[in-house]
Amino acid sequence: MLVLSRRVGESVVVGDDITITVLEVRGDVVRVGIDAPRSVSVHRAELLAQLADSNTESASPPAKVVASLTEALRQRR
């Protein structure tokens, strides 16, 4: 991980076409602006983690349901 110090108005350039600019610092909150082509996805990390967790929960049935189906299959034999 590259760690840089920047002041308000200063930027960091990633590759040839992504610029990240510090817009404001208020206490422990830093506002940044990201200028990137539309083809580049920019997402907040915590939202991606929440989405991944939600997808995992949706794809994994509750243990009670699995046990019920297992029992039903055993009785069917």
PDB file of N, CA and C in Angstrom:
ATOM      1  N   MET A   1       0.846  -1.177   0.000  1.00  0.00           N
ATOM      2  CA  MET A   1       0.000   0.000   0.000  1.00  0.00           C
ATOM      3  C   MET A   1       0.889   1.237   0.000  1.00  0.00           C
ATOM      4  N   LEU A   2       0.587   2.150  -0.865  1.00  0.00           N
ATOM      5  CA  LEU A   2       1.275   3.430  -0.918  1.00  0.00           C
ATOM      6  C   LEU A   2       0.534   4.398  -0.012  1.00  0.00           C
ATOM      7  N   VAL A   3       1.246   5.049   0.888  1.00  0.00           N
ATOM      8  CA  VAL A   3       0.636   6.015   1.798  1.00  0.00           C
ATOM      9  C   VAL A   3       1.208   7.390   1.487  1.00  0.00           C
ATOM     10  N   LEU A   4       0.324   8.341   1.203  1.00  0.00           N
ATOM     11  CA  LEU A   4       0.736   9.698   0.852  1.00  0.00           C
ATOM     12  C   LEU A   4       0.049  10.717   1.748  1.00  0.00           C
ATOM     13  N   SER A   5       0.694  11.843   1.937  1.00  0.00           N
ATOM     14  CA  SER A   5       0.063  12.975   2.611  1.00  0.00           C
ATOM     15  C   SER A   5      -0.292  13.990   1.546  1.00  0.00           C
ATOM     16  N   ARG A   6      -1.510  14.496   1.599  1.00  0.00           N
ATOM     17  CA  ARG A   6      -1.981  15.489   0.637  1.00  0.00           C
ATOM     18  C   ARG A   6      -2.727  16.560   1.404  1.00  0.00           C
ATOM     19  N   ARG A   7      -2.675  17.770   0.895  1.00  0.00           N
ATOM     20  CA  ARG A   7      -3.445  18.872   1.468  1.00  0.00           C
ATOM     21  C   ARG A   7      -4.662  19.126   0.591  1.00  0.00           C
ATOM     22  N   VAL A   8      -5.601  19.905   1.107  1.00  0.00           N
ATOM     23  CA  VAL A   8      -6.794  20.255   0.331  1.00  0.00           C
ATOM     24  C   VAL A   8      -6.355  20.870  -0.996  1.00  0.00           C
ATOM     25  N   GLY A   9      -6.965  20.379  -2.064  1.00  0.00           N
ATOM     26  CA  GLY A   9      -6.645  20.874  -3.396  1.00  0.00           C
ATOM     27  C   GLY A   9      -5.562  20.078  -4.094  1.00  0.00           C
ATOM     28  N   GLU A  10      -4.818  19.255  -3.365  1.00  0.00           N
ATOM     29  CA  GLU A  10      -3.766  18.443  -3.971  1.00  0.00           C
ATOM     30  C   GLU A  10      -4.349  17.124  -4.463  1.00  0.00           C
ATOM     31  N   SER A  11      -3.682  16.541  -5.458  1.00  0.00           N
ATOM     32  CA  SER A  11      -4.205  15.343  -6.113  1.00  0.00           C
ATOM     33  C   SER A  11      -3.168  14.239  -6.186  1.00  0.00           C
ATOM     34  N   VAL A  12      -3.675  13.059  -6.500  1.00  0.00           N
ATOM     35  CA  VAL A  12      -2.870  11.886  -6.796  1.00  0.00           C
ATOM     36  C   VAL A  12      -3.389  11.349  -8.118  1.00  0.00           C
ATOM     37  N   VAL A  13      -2.488  10.978  -9.016  1.00  0.00           N
ATOM     38  CA  VAL A  13      -2.891  10.436 -10.306  1.00  0.00           C
ATOM     39  C   VAL A  13      -2.581   8.946 -10.309  1.00  0.00           C
ATOM     40  N   VAL A  14      -3.584   8.135 -10.675  1.00  0.00           N
ATOM     41  CA  VAL A  14      -3.447   6.683 -10.754  1.00  0.00           C
ATOM     42  C   VAL A  14      -3.527   6.305 -12.225  1.00  0.00           C
ATOM     43  N   GLY A  15      -2.480   5.674 -12.723  1.00  0.00           N
ATOM     44  CA  GLY A  15      -2.449   5.346 -14.150  1.00  0.00           C
ATOM     45  C   GLY A  15      -2.428   6.619 -14.965  1.00  0.00           C
ATOM     46  N   ASP A  16      -3.020   6.553 -16.143  1.00  0.00           N
ATOM     47  CA  ASP A  16      -3.045   7.717 -17.027  1.00  0.00           C
ATOM     48  C   ASP A  16      -4.330   8.516 -16.938  1.00  0.00           C
ATOM     49  N   ASP A  17      -5.368   7.942 -16.327  1.00  0.00           N
ATOM     50  CA  ASP A  17      -6.666   8.595 -16.464  1.00  0.00           C
ATOM     51  C   ASP A  17      -7.513   8.657 -15.202  1.00  0.00           C
ATOM     52  N   ILE A  18      -6.918   8.456 -14.043  1.00  0.00           N
ATOM     53  CA  ILE A  18      -7.673   8.556 -12.793  1.00  0.00           C
ATOM     54  C   ILE A  18      -6.982   9.571 -11.888  1.00  0.00           C
ATOM     55  N   THR A  19      -7.728  10.576 -11.450  1.00  0.00           N
ATOM     56  CA  THR A  19      -7.187  11.596 -10.556  1.00  0.00           C
ATOM     57  C   THR A  19      -8.038  11.636  -9.294  1.00  0.00           C
ATOM     58  N   ILE A  20      -7.366  11.563  -8.158  1.00  0.00           N
ATOM     59  CA  ILE A  20      -8.039  11.636  -6.858  1.00  0.00           C
ATOM     60  C   ILE A  20      -7.587  12.931  -6.196  1.00  0.00           C
ATOM     61  N   THR A  21      -8.553  13.786  -5.851  1.00  0.00           N
ATOM     62  CA  THR A  21      -8.244  15.106  -5.300  1.00  0.00           C
ATOM     63  C   THR A  21      -8.850  15.241  -3.908  1.00  0.00           C
ATOM     64  N   VAL A  22      -8.075  15.755  -2.960  1.00  0.00           N
ATOM     65  CA  VAL A  22      -8.592  16.035  -1.616  1.00  0.00           C
ATOM     66  C   VAL A  22      -9.394  17.331  -1.714  1.00  0.00           C
ATOM     67  N   LEU A  23     -10.691  17.252  -1.404  1.00  0.00           N
ATOM     68  CA  LEU A  23     -11.571  18.411  -1.508  1.00  0.00           C
ATOM     69  C   LEU A  23     -11.713  19.160  -0.191  1.00  0.00           C
ATOM     70  N   GLU A  24     -11.761  18.407   0.909  1.00  0.00           N
ATOM     71  CA  GLU A  24     -12.017  19.036   2.208  1.00  0.00           C
ATOM     72  C   GLU A  24     -11.591  18.091   3.320  1.00  0.00           C
ATOM     73  N   VAL A  25     -11.087  18.670   4.403  1.00  0.00           N
ATOM     74  CA  VAL A  25     -10.780  17.896   5.603  1.00  0.00           C
ATOM     75  C   VAL A  25     -11.495  18.593   6.752  1.00  0.00           C
ATOM     76  N   ARG A  26     -12.389  17.818   7.422  1.00  0.00           N
ATOM     77  CA  ARG A  26     -13.155  18.349   8.541  1.00  0.00           C
ATOM     78  C   ARG A  26     -13.053  17.366   9.691  1.00  0.00           C
ATOM     79  N   GLY A  27     -12.221  17.647  10.664  1.00  0.00           N
ATOM     80  CA  GLY A  27     -12.016  16.707  11.769  1.00  0.00           C
ATOM     81  C   GLY A  27     -11.407  15.430  11.238  1.00  0.00           C
ATOM     82  N   ASP A  28     -12.079  14.313  11.477  1.00  0.00           N
ATOM     83  CA  ASP A  28     -11.554  13.032  11.005  1.00  0.00           C
ATOM     84  C   ASP A  28     -12.213  12.573   9.705  1.00  0.00           C
ATOM     85  N   VAL A  29     -12.898  13.490   9.017  1.00  0.00           N
ATOM     86  CA  VAL A  29     -13.554  13.169   7.750  1.00  0.00           C
ATOM     87  C   VAL A  29     -12.820  13.873   6.613  1.00  0.00           C
ATOM     88  N   VAL A  30     -12.470  13.089   5.617  1.00  0.00           N
ATOM     89  CA  VAL A  30     -11.798  13.632   4.434  1.00  0.00           C
ATOM     90  C   VAL A  30     -12.708  13.426   3.234  1.00  0.00           C
ATOM     91  N   ARG A  31     -13.010  14.480   2.514  1.00  0.00           N
ATOM     92  CA  ARG A  31     -13.807  14.378   1.285  1.00  0.00           C
ATOM     93  C   ARG A  31     -12.843  14.351   0.114  1.00  0.00           C
ATOM     94  N   VAL A  32     -13.019  13.361  -0.746  1.00  0.00           N
ATOM     95  CA  VAL A  32     -12.174  13.253  -1.924  1.00  0.00           C
ATOM     96  C   VAL A  32     -13.044  13.262  -3.169  1.00  0.00           C
ATOM     97  N   GLY A  33     -12.474  13.747  -4.249  1.00  0.00           N
ATOM     98  CA  GLY A  33     -13.130  13.695  -5.548  1.00  0.00           C
ATOM     99  C   GLY A  33     -12.341  12.753  -6.426  1.00  0.00           C
ATOM    100  N   ILE A  34     -13.043  11.921  -7.177  1.00  0.00           N
ATOM    101  CA  ILE A  34     -12.388  10.944  -8.042  1.00  0.00           C
ATOM    102  C   ILE A  34     -12.830  11.218  -9.475  1.00  0.00           C
ATOM    103  N   ASP A  35     -11.867  11.525 -10.313  1.00  0.00           N
ATOM    104  CA  ASP A  35     -12.136  11.756 -11.726  1.00  0.00           C
ATOM    105  C   ASP A  35     -11.610  10.550 -12.488  1.00  0.00           C
ATOM    106  N   ALA A  36     -12.533   9.766 -13.039  1.00  0.00           N
ATOM    107  CA  ALA A  36     -12.161   8.535 -13.745  1.00  0.00           C
ATOM    108  C   ALA A  36     -13.084   8.365 -14.940  1.00  0.00           C
ATOM    109  N   PRO A  37     -12.628   7.625 -15.939  1.00  0.00           N
ATOM    110  CA  PRO A  37     -13.493   7.355 -17.085  1.00  0.00           C
ATOM    111  C   PRO A  37     -14.730   6.564 -16.647  1.00  0.00           C
ATOM    112  N   ARG A  38     -15.809   6.678 -17.397  1.00  0.00           N
ATOM    113  CA  ARG A  38     -17.041   5.960 -17.060  1.00  0.00           C
ATOM    114  C   ARG A  38     -16.846   4.446 -17.062  1.00  0.00           C
ATOM    115  N   SER A  39     -15.856   3.977 -17.776  1.00  0.00           N
ATOM    116  CA  SER A  39     -15.613   2.531 -17.845  1.00  0.00           C
ATOM    117  C   SER A  39     -14.973   1.978 -16.575  1.00  0.00           C
ATOM    118  N   VAL A  40     -14.526   2.859 -15.687  1.00  0.00           N
ATOM    119  CA  VAL A  40     -13.894   2.434 -14.435  1.00  0.00           C
ATOM    120  C   VAL A  40     -14.933   2.495 -13.315  1.00  0.00           C
ATOM    121  N   SER A  41     -15.165   1.375 -12.653  1.00  0.00           N
ATOM    122  CA  SER A  41     -16.104   1.335 -11.530  1.00  0.00           C
ATOM    123  C   SER A  41     -15.441   1.901 -10.285  1.00  0.00           C
ATOM    124  N   VAL A  42     -16.142   2.782  -9.601  1.00  0.00           N
ATOM    125  CA  VAL A  42     -15.659   3.349  -8.337  1.00  0.00           C
ATOM    126  C   VAL A  42     -16.747   3.114  -7.299  1.00  0.00           C
ATOM    127  N   HIS A  43     -16.418   2.367  -6.246  1.00  0.00           N
ATOM    128  CA  HIS A  43     -17.397   2.022  -5.213  1.00  0.00           C
ATOM    129  C   HIS A  43     -16.787   2.227  -3.830  1.00  0.00           C
ATOM    130  N   ARG A  44     -17.645   2.475  -2.847  1.00  0.00           N
ATOM    131  CA  ARG A  44     -17.193   2.529  -1.455  1.00  0.00           C
ATOM    132  C   ARG A  44     -16.978   1.097  -0.971  1.00  0.00           C
ATOM    133  N   ALA A  45     -15.842   0.844  -0.345  1.00  0.00           N
ATOM    134  CA  ALA A  45     -15.465  -0.510   0.075  1.00  0.00           C
ATOM    135  C   ALA A  45     -16.485  -1.128   1.024  1.00  0.00           C
ATOM    136  N   GLU A  46     -17.035  -0.338   1.945  1.00  0.00           N
ATOM    137  CA  GLU A  46     -17.974  -0.904   2.915  1.00  0.00           C
ATOM    138  C   GLU A  46     -19.272  -1.347   2.239  1.00  0.00           C
ATOM    139  N   LEU A  47     -19.660  -0.670   1.151  1.00  0.00           N
ATOM    140  CA  LEU A  47     -20.864  -1.097   0.442  1.00  0.00           C
ATOM    141  C   LEU A  47     -20.621  -2.386  -0.328  1.00  0.00           C
ATOM    142  N   LEU A  48     -19.429  -2.544  -0.902  1.00  0.00           N
ATOM    143  CA  LEU A  48     -19.100  -3.795  -1.582  1.00  0.00           C
ATOM    144  C   LEU A  48     -19.076  -4.961  -0.598  1.00  0.00           C
ATOM    145  N   ALA A  49     -18.526  -4.734   0.598  1.00  0.00           N
ATOM    146  CA  ALA A  49     -18.489  -5.783   1.623  1.00  0.00           C
ATOM    147  C   ALA A  49     -19.909  -6.148   2.060  1.00  0.00           C
ATOM    148  N   GLN A  50     -20.762  -5.139   2.238  1.00  0.00           N
ATOM    149  CA  GLN A  50     -22.148  -5.385   2.641  1.00  0.00           C
ATOM    150  C   GLN A  50     -22.884  -6.162   1.546  1.00  0.00           C
ATOM    151  N   LEU A  51     -22.651  -5.813   0.301  1.00  0.00           N
ATOM    152  CA  LEU A  51     -23.284  -6.514  -0.805  1.00  0.00           C
ATOM    153  C   LEU A  51     -22.818  -7.966  -0.871  1.00  0.00           C
ATOM    154  N   ALA A  52     -21.530  -8.197  -0.680  1.00  0.00           N
ATOM    155  CA  ALA A  52     -20.996  -9.562  -0.687  1.00  0.00           C
ATOM    156  C   ALA A  52     -21.614 -10.382   0.441  1.00  0.00           C
ATOM    157  N   ASP A  53     -21.727  -9.794   1.632  1.00  0.00           N
ATOM    158  CA  ASP A  53     -22.348 -10.494   2.765  1.00  0.00           C
ATOM    159  C   ASP A  53     -23.807 -10.828   2.465  1.00  0.00           C
ATOM    160  N   SER A  54     -24.512  -9.866   1.898  1.00  0.00           N
ATOM    161  CA  SER A  54     -25.916 -10.073   1.568  1.00  0.00           C
ATOM    162  C   SER A  54     -26.081 -11.180   0.526  1.00  0.00           C
ATOM    163  N   ASN A  55     -25.214 -11.190  -0.469  1.00  0.00           N
ATOM    164  CA  ASN A  55     -25.276 -12.237  -1.492  1.00  0.00           C
ATOM    165  C   ASN A  55     -24.986 -13.610  -0.895  1.00  0.00           C
ATOM    166  N   THR A  56     -24.025 -13.679   0.012  1.00  0.00           N
ATOM    167  CA  THR A  56     -23.694 -14.945   0.663  1.00  0.00           C
ATOM    168  C   THR A  56     -24.875 -15.451   1.479  1.00  0.00           C
ATOM    169  N   GLU A  57     -25.504 -14.554   2.224  1.00  0.00           N
ATOM    170  CA  GLU A  57     -26.674 -14.941   3.024  1.00  0.00           C
ATOM    171  C   GLU A  57     -27.814 -15.417   2.131  1.00  0.00           C
ATOM    172  N   SER A  58     -28.025 -14.736   1.024  1.00  0.00           N
ATOM    173  CA  SER A  58     -29.113 -15.106   0.116  1.00  0.00           C
ATOM    174  C   SER A  58     -28.868 -16.455  -0.534  1.00  0.00           C
ATOM    175  N   ALA A  59     -27.609 -16.766  -0.794  1.00  0.00           N
ATOM    176  CA  ALA A  59     -27.270 -18.012  -1.481  1.00  0.00           C
ATOM    177  C   ALA A  59     -27.157 -19.195  -0.525  1.00  0.00           C
ATOM    178  N   SER A  60     -27.095 -18.937   0.762  1.00  0.00           N
ATOM    179  CA  SER A  60     -26.935 -19.999   1.748  1.00  0.00           C
ATOM    180  C   SER A  60     -28.234 -20.187   2.519  1.00  0.00           C
ATOM    181  N   PRO A  61     -28.885 -21.329   2.356  1.00  0.00           N
ATOM    182  CA  PRO A  61     -30.143 -21.547   3.079  1.00  0.00           C
ATOM    183  C   PRO A  61     -29.873 -21.737   4.577  1.00  0.00           C
ATOM    184  N   PRO A  62     -30.834 -21.396   5.397  1.00  0.00           N
ATOM    185  CA  PRO A  62     -30.683 -21.591   6.846  1.00  0.00           C
ATOM    186  C   PRO A  62     -30.505 -23.083   7.178  1.00  0.00           C
ATOM    187  N   ALA A  63     -29.779 -23.351   8.254  1.00  0.00           N
ATOM    188  CA  ALA A  63     -29.499 -24.730   8.672  1.00  0.00           C
ATOM    189  C   ALA A  63     -30.786 -25.519   8.893  1.00  0.00           C
ATOM    190  N   LYS A  64     -31.830 -24.880   9.425  1.00  0.00           N
ATOM    191  CA  LYS A  64     -33.097 -25.569   9.667  1.00  0.00           C
ATOM    192  C   LYS A  64     -33.707 -26.083   8.362  1.00  0.00           C
ATOM    193  N   VAL A  65     -33.589 -25.290   7.311  1.00  0.00           N
ATOM    194  CA  VAL A  65     -34.156 -25.687   6.015  1.00  0.00           C
ATOM    195  C   VAL A  65     -33.386 -26.873   5.463  1.00  0.00           C
ATOM    196  N   VAL A  66     -32.058 -26.829   5.564  1.00  0.00           N
ATOM    197  CA  VAL A  66     -31.230 -27.940   5.079  1.00  0.00           C
ATOM    198  C   VAL A  66     -31.566 -29.212   5.855  1.00  0.00           C
ATOM    199  N   ALA A  67     -31.681 -29.104   7.172  1.00  0.00           N
ATOM    200  CA  ALA A  67     -32.004 -30.266   8.001  1.00  0.00           C
ATOM    201  C   ALA A  67     -33.376 -30.822   7.637  1.00  0.00           C
ATOM    202  N   SER A  68     -34.341 -29.955   7.406  1.00  0.00           N
ATOM    203  CA  SER A  68     -35.681 -30.384   7.043  1.00  0.00           C
ATOM    204  C   SER A  68     -35.680 -31.118   5.702  1.00  0.00           C
ATOM    205  N   LEU A  69     -34.964 -30.585   4.725  1.00  0.00           N
ATOM    206  CA  LEU A  69     -34.884 -31.239   3.422  1.00  0.00           C
ATOM    207  C   LEU A  69     -34.163 -32.578   3.515  1.00  0.00           C
ATOM    208  N   THR A  70     -33.097 -32.628   4.307  1.00  0.00           N
ATOM    209  CA  THR A  70     -32.354 -33.871   4.497  1.00  0.00           C
ATOM    210  C   THR A  70     -33.256 -34.937   5.106  1.00  0.00           C
ATOM    211  N   GLU A  71     -34.023 -34.540   6.114  1.00  0.00           N
ATOM    212  CA  GLU A  71     -34.940 -35.484   6.758  1.00  0.00           C
ATOM    213  C   GLU A  71     -36.013 -35.965   5.789  1.00  0.00           C
ATOM    214  N   ALA A  72     -36.536 -35.054   4.996  1.00  0.00           N
ATOM    215  CA  ALA A  72     -37.570 -35.424   4.021  1.00  0.00           C
ATOM    216  C   ALA A  72     -37.022 -36.418   2.996  1.00  0.00           C
ATOM    217  N   LEU A  73     -35.779 -36.227   2.581  1.00  0.00           N
ATOM    218  CA  LEU A  73     -35.165 -37.149   1.627  1.00  0.00           C
ATOM    219  C   LEU A  73     -34.926 -38.532   2.251  1.00  0.00           C
ATOM    220  N   ARG A  74     -34.538 -38.533   3.511  1.00  0.00           N
ATOM    221  CA  ARG A  74     -34.323 -39.822   4.216  1.00  0.00           C
ATOM    222  C   ARG A  74     -35.628 -40.597   4.337  1.00  0.00           C
ATOM    223  N   GLN A  75     -36.702 -39.911   4.650  1.00  0.00           N
ATOM    224  CA  GLN A  75     -37.998 -40.560   4.820  1.00  0.00           C
ATOM    225  C   GLN A  75     -38.535 -41.090   3.491  1.00  0.00           C
ATOM    226  N   ARG A  76     -38.111 -40.500   2.426  1.00  0.00           N
ATOM    227  CA  ARG A  76     -38.589 -40.874   1.117  1.00  0.00           C
ATOM    228  C   ARG A  76     -38.019 -42.217   0.661  1.00  0.00           C
ATOM    229  N   ARG A  77     -36.877 -42.606   1.190  1.00  0.00           N
ATOM    230  CA  ARG A  77     -36.212 -43.851   0.782  1.00  0.00           C
ATOM    231  C   ARG A  77     -36.926 -45.012   1.302  1.00  0.00           C
TER     232      ARG A  77
END
